[in-house]
Amino acid sequence: MKRLNTSWFNGALALAGWLIGITTQSSWAVAAAVVILMVHFAAVGSWKKEREILAITLILGSALDSVMGNISVLQFSSENRILPSWLACVWIMLGLTIRHSLNWIGNNRLTGNLFLIILTAGHYCLLLQFTYVSSCLPEWQAVAILSISATIIINIILTFSDIWMERYRRQNTG
């Protein structure tokens, strides 16, 4: 039962960070991400076990959205060629869930990938509808490209997570 409670708590923290990022689109998202990270590590997480996942999620996710911005699948309101910091915080929130509330995806890849397609499509639909981020493509095409690309990236992150957790287990048992 404790595992379920920590998964729900982790998911709620990540959702709160996502909502703050999407609704404020400002430095408030960065401040909220810092607070959420502190609460996460104090309550359910382990910096030692999760730092690589947070870093790779931030790097790969930010790279994906920045590339999509450079090829105009996403268009940010500024002339900056990289994504805004509040959007990078959304990727950090995803990174918090990889070993907790989204951990089940690694055990059931078919259902997990269907869930990820829906989750990422919903994220990008809301991103395009309710933020200053837009696309030069019709929304359905942009969402399809983005959700498939994000699902691939998240699967890569899940693979890294499995490898790093196995390495962590070996280092701490022998």
Protein backbone atom coordinates (compact mmCIF):
# COMPACT_ATOMS: atom_id res chain seq x y z
CA MET A 1 0.00 0.00 0.00
CA LYS A 2 2.89 2.36 0.77
CA ARG A 3 4.14 1.96 -2.84
CA LEU A 4 0.76 3.04 -4.22
CA ASN A 5 0.63 6.06 -1.91
CA THR A 6 4.10 7.23 -2.91
CA SER A 7 3.24 6.75 -6.59
CA TRP A 8 0.11 8.86 -6.22
CA PHE A 9 2.01 11.51 -4.27
CA ASN A 10 4.75 11.55 -6.89
CA GLY A 11 2.21 11.84 -9.69
CA ALA A 12 0.41 14.67 -7.88
CA LEU A 13 3.69 16.56 -7.43
CA ALA A 14 4.57 16.19 -11.10
CA LEU A 15 1.06 17.22 -12.18
CA ALA A 16 1.23 20.28 -9.94
CA GLY A 17 4.56 21.26 -11.52
CA TRP A 18 3.16 20.69 -15.00
CA LEU A 19 0.08 22.82 -14.26
CA ILE A 20 2.18 25.63 -12.82
CA GLY A 21 4.46 25.55 -15.86
CA ILE A 22 1.62 25.53 -18.39
CA THR A 23 -0.48 28.17 -16.61
CA THR A 24 2.24 30.64 -15.59
CA GLN A 25 4.72 30.23 -18.47
CA SER A 26 7.17 32.21 -16.37
CA SER A 27 9.92 31.98 -13.80
CA TRP A 28 7.26 30.84 -11.33
CA ALA A 29 7.54 27.47 -13.03
CA VAL A 30 11.25 27.34 -12.24
CA ALA A 31 10.63 28.28 -8.60
CA ALA A 32 7.84 25.70 -8.35
CA ALA A 33 10.08 23.02 -9.89
CA VAL A 34 12.76 23.69 -7.28
CA VAL A 35 10.22 23.42 -4.44
CA ILE A 36 8.67 20.28 -5.95
CA LEU A 37 12.11 18.69 -6.33
CA MET A 38 12.87 19.40 -2.68
CA VAL A 39 9.54 17.96 -1.53
CA HIS A 40 9.97 14.93 -3.79
CA PHE A 41 13.43 14.10 -2.48
CA ALA A 42 12.37 14.68 1.13
CA ALA A 43 9.28 12.47 0.83
CA VAL A 44 9.72 9.74 -1.79
CA GLY A 45 12.79 10.17 -3.94
CA SER A 46 16.52 9.59 -3.77
CA TRP A 47 18.90 12.09 -5.33
CA LYS A 48 21.56 9.39 -5.63
CA LYS A 49 19.20 7.08 -7.57
CA GLU A 50 17.43 9.71 -9.66
CA ARG A 51 19.95 12.38 -10.62
CA GLU A 52 20.92 10.69 -13.89
CA ILE A 53 17.28 10.24 -14.90
CA LEU A 54 16.46 13.86 -14.15
CA ALA A 55 19.48 15.01 -16.16
CA ILE A 56 18.82 12.76 -19.17
CA THR A 57 15.10 13.63 -19.16
CA LEU A 58 15.89 17.34 -19.08
CA ILE A 59 18.53 17.01 -21.81
CA LEU A 60 16.60 14.74 -24.19
CA GLY A 61 13.24 16.42 -23.61
CA SER A 62 14.65 19.91 -24.02
CA ALA A 63 16.54 18.80 -27.12
CA LEU A 64 13.36 17.35 -28.61
CA ASP A 65 11.30 20.50 -28.05
CA SER A 66 14.20 22.74 -29.16
CA VAL A 67 14.64 20.76 -32.38
CA MET A 68 10.89 20.89 -32.98
CA GLY A 69 11.11 24.64 -32.41
CA ASN A 70 13.92 24.97 -34.93
CA ILE A 71 11.96 23.11 -37.62
CA SER A 72 8.76 25.06 -36.78
CA VAL A 73 6.73 22.13 -35.51
CA LEU A 74 6.70 24.25 -32.36
CA GLN A 75 6.99 28.02 -32.45
CA PHE A 76 7.91 29.90 -29.30
CA SER A 77 6.93 33.55 -28.98
CA SER A 78 10.52 34.74 -28.66
CA GLU A 79 13.23 34.61 -31.29
CA ASN A 80 15.20 32.30 -29.03
CA ARG A 81 16.13 29.01 -30.71
CA ILE A 82 15.83 26.96 -27.52
CA LEU A 83 12.75 26.23 -25.50
CA PRO A 84 11.67 28.50 -22.66
CA SER A 85 12.79 27.57 -19.14
CA TRP A 86 9.22 26.89 -17.99
CA LEU A 87 8.91 24.21 -20.68
CA ALA A 88 12.19 22.64 -19.56
CA CYS A 89 10.65 22.44 -16.07
CA VAL A 90 7.81 20.37 -17.54
CA TRP A 91 10.43 17.84 -18.67
CA ILE A 92 11.94 17.84 -15.18
CA MET A 93 8.49 17.02 -13.79
CA LEU A 94 8.31 14.08 -16.19
CA GLY A 95 11.74 12.96 -14.96
CA LEU A 96 10.40 12.81 -11.41
CA THR A 97 7.81 10.24 -12.46
CA ILE A 98 10.06 7.79 -14.34
CA ARG A 99 10.99 5.70 -11.30
CA HIS A 100 7.76 6.25 -9.41
CA SER A 101 4.29 6.84 -10.85
CA LEU A 102 5.30 5.92 -14.43
CA ASN A 103 7.53 3.00 -13.43
CA TRP A 104 4.86 0.48 -14.52
CA ILE A 105 5.36 1.44 -18.18
CA GLY A 106 8.66 -0.45 -18.29
CA ASN A 107 6.88 -3.65 -17.25
CA ASN A 108 4.12 -3.40 -19.85
CA ARG A 109 5.46 -1.66 -22.94
CA LEU A 110 2.39 -2.09 -25.17
CA THR A 111 -0.10 -0.64 -22.70
CA GLY A 112 2.53 1.82 -21.51
CA ASN A 113 3.20 3.15 -24.99
CA LEU A 114 -0.52 3.54 -25.70
CA PHE A 115 -0.78 5.47 -22.43
CA LEU A 116 2.26 7.60 -23.36
CA ILE A 117 0.85 8.44 -26.79
CA ILE A 118 -2.38 9.64 -25.15
CA LEU A 119 -0.55 11.46 -22.35
CA THR A 120 1.86 13.26 -24.68
CA ALA A 121 -0.87 14.06 -27.21
CA GLY A 122 -2.91 15.61 -24.42
CA HIS A 123 0.11 17.57 -23.22
CA TYR A 124 0.92 18.96 -26.66
CA CYS A 125 -2.76 19.73 -27.43
CA LEU A 126 -2.99 21.74 -24.22
CA LEU A 127 0.39 23.33 -24.88
CA LEU A 128 -0.75 24.54 -28.31
CA GLN A 129 -4.20 25.61 -27.09
CA PHE A 130 -3.44 27.39 -23.84
CA THR A 131 0.10 28.75 -24.06
CA TYR A 132 1.92 31.13 -26.37
CA VAL A 133 3.53 28.11 -28.10
CA SER A 134 2.12 27.54 -31.58
CA SER A 135 2.89 25.54 -34.72
CA CYS A 136 3.04 26.28 -38.42
CA LEU A 137 1.46 22.87 -39.06
CA PRO A 138 -2.19 21.98 -38.58
CA GLU A 139 -2.61 21.14 -34.90
CA TRP A 140 -3.39 17.45 -35.47
CA GLN A 141 -0.18 17.00 -37.48
CA ALA A 142 1.94 18.82 -34.93
CA VAL A 143 0.43 16.81 -32.06
CA ALA A 144 0.96 13.53 -33.94
CA ILE A 145 4.62 14.33 -34.67
CA LEU A 146 5.27 15.60 -31.15
CA SER A 147 3.51 12.79 -29.29
CA ILE A 148 5.20 10.04 -31.31
CA SER A 149 8.59 11.74 -30.90
CA ALA A 150 8.08 12.26 -27.16
CA THR A 151 6.97 8.65 -26.70
CA ILE A 152 10.19 7.48 -28.38
CA ILE A 153 12.24 9.80 -26.15
CA ILE A 154 10.45 8.59 -23.01
CA ASN A 155 11.14 4.98 -23.99
CA ILE A 156 14.83 5.83 -24.33
CA ILE A 157 14.70 7.44 -20.88
CA LEU A 158 12.99 4.32 -19.46
CA THR A 159 15.75 2.16 -20.95
CA PHE A 160 18.42 4.37 -19.36
CA SER A 161 16.50 4.13 -16.07
CA ASP A 162 16.52 0.32 -16.15
CA ILE A 163 20.24 0.23 -16.93
CA TRP A 164 21.13 2.72 -14.21
CA MET A 165 18.94 1.02 -11.59
CA GLU A 166 20.61 -2.31 -12.35
CA ARG A 167 24.02 -0.65 -12.00
CA TYR A 168 22.93 0.94 -8.71
CA ARG A 169 21.73 -2.45 -7.39
CA ARG A 170 25.01 -4.16 -8.33
CA GLN A 171 27.07 -1.43 -6.67
CA ASN A 172 25.09 -1.67 -3.44
CA THR A 173 24.95 -5.47 -3.13
CA GLY A 174 28.56 -6.34 -3.76
